[in-house]
C-alpha atoms as a PDB file:
ATOM      1  CA  UNK A   1     -12.437   3.872  18.746  1.00  0.00           C
ATOM      2  CA  UNK A   2     -11.765   0.185  19.133  1.00  0.00           C
ATOM      3  CA  UNK A   3     -13.712  -2.015  16.761  1.00  0.00           C
ATOM      4  CA  UNK A   4     -15.054  -5.189  18.287  1.00  0.00           C
ATOM      5  CA  UNK A   5     -13.722  -7.823  15.918  1.00  0.00           C
ATOM      6  CA  UNK A   6     -14.555 -11.340  16.913  1.00  0.00           C
ATOM      7  CA  UNK A   7     -14.782 -13.898  14.111  1.00  0.00           C
ATOM      8  CA  UNK A   8     -11.660 -15.087  12.355  1.00  0.00           C
ATOM      9  CA  UNK A   9     -12.625 -13.903   8.903  1.00  0.00           C
ATOM     10  CA  UNK A  10     -12.973 -10.265   9.916  1.00  0.00           C
ATOM     11  CA  UNK A  11      -9.930 -10.524  12.211  1.00  0.00           C
ATOM     12  CA  UNK A  12      -7.859 -11.657   9.264  1.00  0.00           C
ATOM     13  CA  UNK A  13      -9.254  -8.878   7.087  1.00  0.00           C
ATOM     14  CA  UNK A  14      -8.454  -6.282   9.738  1.00  0.00           C
ATOM     15  CA  UNK A  15      -4.876  -7.486  10.081  1.00  0.00           C
ATOM     16  CA  UNK A  16      -4.133  -7.844   6.375  1.00  0.00           C
ATOM     17  CA  UNK A  17      -6.282  -5.146   4.749  1.00  0.00           C
ATOM     18  CA  UNK A  18      -4.956  -2.442   2.446  1.00  0.00           C
ATOM     19  CA  UNK A  19      -4.959   0.351   5.022  1.00  0.00           C
ATOM     20  CA  UNK A  20      -3.264  -1.799   7.653  1.00  0.00           C
ATOM     21  CA  UNK A  21      -0.477  -2.551   5.168  1.00  0.00           C
ATOM     22  CA  UNK A  22      -0.111   1.139   4.338  1.00  0.00           C
ATOM     23  CA  UNK A  23       0.909   1.803   7.946  1.00  0.00           C
ATOM     24  CA  UNK A  24       4.328   0.138   7.628  1.00  0.00           C
ATOM     25  CA  UNK A  25       7.195   0.690   5.229  1.00  0.00           C
ATOM     26  CA  UNK A  26       7.241  -2.923   4.050  1.00  0.00           C
ATOM     27  CA  UNK A  27       3.452  -2.855   3.659  1.00  0.00           C
ATOM     28  CA  UNK A  28       3.673   0.184   1.401  1.00  0.00           C
ATOM     29  CA  UNK A  29       6.206  -1.727  -0.660  1.00  0.00           C
ATOM     30  CA  UNK A  30       3.819  -4.683  -1.001  1.00  0.00           C
ATOM     31  CA  UNK A  31       0.923  -2.417  -2.002  1.00  0.00           C
ATOM     32  CA  UNK A  32       3.106  -0.680  -4.578  1.00  0.00           C
ATOM     33  CA  UNK A  33       4.099  -4.054  -6.013  1.00  0.00           C
ATOM     34  CA  UNK A  34       0.448  -5.061  -6.291  1.00  0.00           C
ATOM     35  CA  UNK A  35      -0.318  -1.764  -7.995  1.00  0.00           C
ATOM     36  CA  UNK A  36       2.423  -2.368 -10.538  1.00  0.00           C
ATOM     37  CA  UNK A  37       1.165  -5.880 -11.220  1.00  0.00           C
ATOM     38  CA  UNK A  38      -2.562  -5.262 -11.401  1.00  0.00           C
ATOM     39  CA  UNK A  39      -2.917  -1.565 -12.098  1.00  0.00           C
ATOM     40  CA  UNK A  40      -4.617   0.293  -9.261  1.00  0.00           C
ATOM     41  CA  UNK A  41      -5.902  -2.254  -6.761  1.00  0.00           C
END
């Protein structure tokens, strides 16, 4: 299902959210780094 995302704020959130990052290898690395720094996000 395609979500209708129109305004910039939600567009940005959709592109840079946690789950979106989890989809790539480098994103997983970033999330892991954040977890190390701040405990579980």
